[in-house]
C-alpha atoms as a PDB file:
ATOM      1  CA  UNK A   1       1.463  -4.514  12.622  1.00  0.00           C
ATOM      2  CA  UNK A   2      -0.770  -6.954  11.060  1.00  0.00           C
ATOM      3  CA  UNK A   3      -1.239 -10.516  12.401  1.00  0.00           C
ATOM      4  CA  UNK A   4      -2.139 -13.599  10.418  1.00  0.00           C
ATOM      5  CA  UNK A   5      -5.163 -15.552  11.375  1.00  0.00           C
ATOM      6  CA  UNK A   6      -4.255 -18.922   9.552  1.00  0.00           C
ATOM      7  CA  UNK A   7      -7.431 -18.416   7.587  1.00  0.00           C
ATOM      8  CA  UNK A   8      -5.804 -16.601   4.508  1.00  0.00           C
ATOM      9  CA  UNK A   9      -6.553 -13.321   6.029  1.00  0.00           C
ATOM     10  CA  UNK A  10      -4.921 -10.710   8.494  1.00  0.00           C
ATOM     11  CA  UNK A  11      -6.167  -8.687  11.035  1.00  0.00           C
ATOM     12  CA  UNK A  12      -5.067  -4.932  10.571  1.00  0.00           C
ATOM     13  CA  UNK A  13      -2.890  -3.216   8.127  1.00  0.00           C
ATOM     14  CA  UNK A  14       0.806  -3.359   7.807  1.00  0.00           C
ATOM     15  CA  UNK A  15       2.296  -0.252   9.069  1.00  0.00           C
ATOM     16  CA  UNK A  16       4.501   2.183   6.955  1.00  0.00           C
ATOM     17  CA  UNK A  17       3.442   0.387   3.711  1.00  0.00           C
ATOM     18  CA  UNK A  18       0.935   1.496   1.104  1.00  0.00           C
ATOM     19  CA  UNK A  19      -0.072  -0.012  -2.360  1.00  0.00           C
ATOM     20  CA  UNK A  20      -0.483   1.822  -5.555  1.00  0.00           C
ATOM     21  CA  UNK A  21      -2.338  -0.188  -8.290  1.00  0.00           C
ATOM     22  CA  UNK A  22      -2.581   0.410 -11.968  1.00  0.00           C
ATOM     23  CA  UNK A  23      -6.072  -0.262 -13.300  1.00  0.00           C
ATOM     24  CA  UNK A  24      -5.270  -0.831 -16.733  1.00  0.00           C
ATOM     25  CA  UNK A  25      -2.527  -3.462 -16.197  1.00  0.00           C
ATOM     26  CA  UNK A  26      -3.508  -4.612 -12.819  1.00  0.00           C
ATOM     27  CA  UNK A  27      -0.054  -4.318 -11.528  1.00  0.00           C
ATOM     28  CA  UNK A  28       0.153  -3.181  -7.797  1.00  0.00           C
ATOM     29  CA  UNK A  29       3.273  -1.882  -6.246  1.00  0.00           C
ATOM     30  CA  UNK A  30       4.059  -1.904  -2.539  1.00  0.00           C
ATOM     31  CA  UNK A  31       5.870   1.146  -1.202  1.00  0.00           C
ATOM     32  CA  UNK A  32       7.580   1.649   2.096  1.00  0.00           C
ATOM     33  CA  UNK A  33       6.617   5.026   3.322  1.00  0.00           C
ATOM     34  CA  UNK A  34       9.794   5.718   5.401  1.00  0.00           C
ATOM     35  CA  UNK A  35      12.179   5.542   2.508  1.00  0.00           C
ATOM     36  CA  UNK A  36       9.588   6.028  -0.566  1.00  0.00           C
ATOM     37  CA  UNK A  37      11.095   2.868  -2.379  1.00  0.00           C
ATOM     38  CA  UNK A  38       9.106   0.400  -4.131  1.00  0.00           C
ATOM     39  CA  UNK A  39       9.448  -2.847  -2.214  1.00  0.00           C
ATOM     40  CA  UNK A  40       7.874  -5.114  -4.743  1.00  0.00           C
ATOM     41  CA  UNK A  41       4.998  -5.545  -7.388  1.00  0.00           C
ATOM     42  CA  UNK A  42       2.800  -8.076  -8.423  1.00  0.00           C
ATOM     43  CA  UNK A  43      -0.491  -8.396 -10.326  1.00  0.00           C
ATOM     44  CA  UNK A  44      -3.181  -8.318  -7.824  1.00  0.00           C
ATOM     45  CA  UNK A  45      -3.450  -6.599  -4.643  1.00  0.00           C
ATOM     46  CA  UNK A  46      -1.385  -7.230  -1.442  1.00  0.00           C
ATOM     47  CA  UNK A  47      -3.217  -8.476   1.563  1.00  0.00           C
ATOM     48  CA  UNK A  48      -3.189  -6.069   4.663  1.00  0.00           C
ATOM     49  CA  UNK A  49      -1.614  -3.286   2.868  1.00  0.00           C
ATOM     50  CA  UNK A  50      -3.405  -0.055   2.658  1.00  0.00           C
ATOM     51  CA  UNK A  51      -4.272   1.641  -0.532  1.00  0.00           C
ATOM     52  CA  UNK A  52      -2.922   5.181  -0.673  1.00  0.00           C
ATOM     53  CA  UNK A  53      -6.535   6.488  -1.169  1.00  0.00           C
ATOM     54  CA  UNK A  54      -8.521   4.404   1.689  1.00  0.00           C
ATOM     55  CA  UNK A  55      -9.615   5.431   5.015  1.00  0.00           C
ATOM     56  CA  UNK A  56      -6.801   3.725   7.051  1.00  0.00           C
ATOM     57  CA  UNK A  57      -4.541   6.868   6.313  1.00  0.00           C
ATOM     58  CA  UNK A  58      -5.385  10.530   6.945  1.00  0.00           C
ATOM     59  CA  UNK A  59      -5.796  13.107   4.146  1.00  0.00           C
ATOM     60  CA  UNK A  60      -2.316  14.702   4.766  1.00  0.00           C
ATOM     61  CA  UNK A  61      -0.781  11.230   4.593  1.00  0.00           C
ATOM     62  CA  UNK A  62      -2.589  10.591   1.234  1.00  0.00           C
ATOM     63  CA  UNK A  63      -1.566  14.148  -0.480  1.00  0.00           C
ATOM     64  CA  UNK A  64       2.155  13.206   0.672  1.00  0.00           C
ATOM     65  CA  UNK A  65       1.785  10.004  -1.061  1.00  0.00           C
ATOM     66  CA  UNK A  66       0.384  11.481  -4.126  1.00  0.00           C
ATOM     67  CA  UNK A  67       3.509  13.733  -4.438  1.00  0.00           C
ATOM     68  CA  UNK A  68       5.730  10.728  -3.776  1.00  0.00           C
ATOM     69  CA  UNK A  69       4.221   8.492  -6.503  1.00  0.00           C
ATOM     70  CA  UNK A  70       4.512  11.519  -9.126  1.00  0.00           C
ATOM     71  CA  UNK A  71       8.298  11.067  -8.407  1.00  0.00           C
ATOM     72  CA  UNK A  72       8.400   7.264  -9.026  1.00  0.00           C
END
């Protein structure tokens, strides 16, 4: 689990959550990977939540998420 530093940042990434951002609107959706449910959305990125295409997750995980996103 990510830990807060008190300096407006976190160490580590939040487990079992990813974010998907729409580059046109700037809206990012936070998704629970256990339930495949959208938890929240906002304009701008979430701190400490992995993007679904970054190196904090493996290729298998990213392909599963791509399939999940297509069904949202």
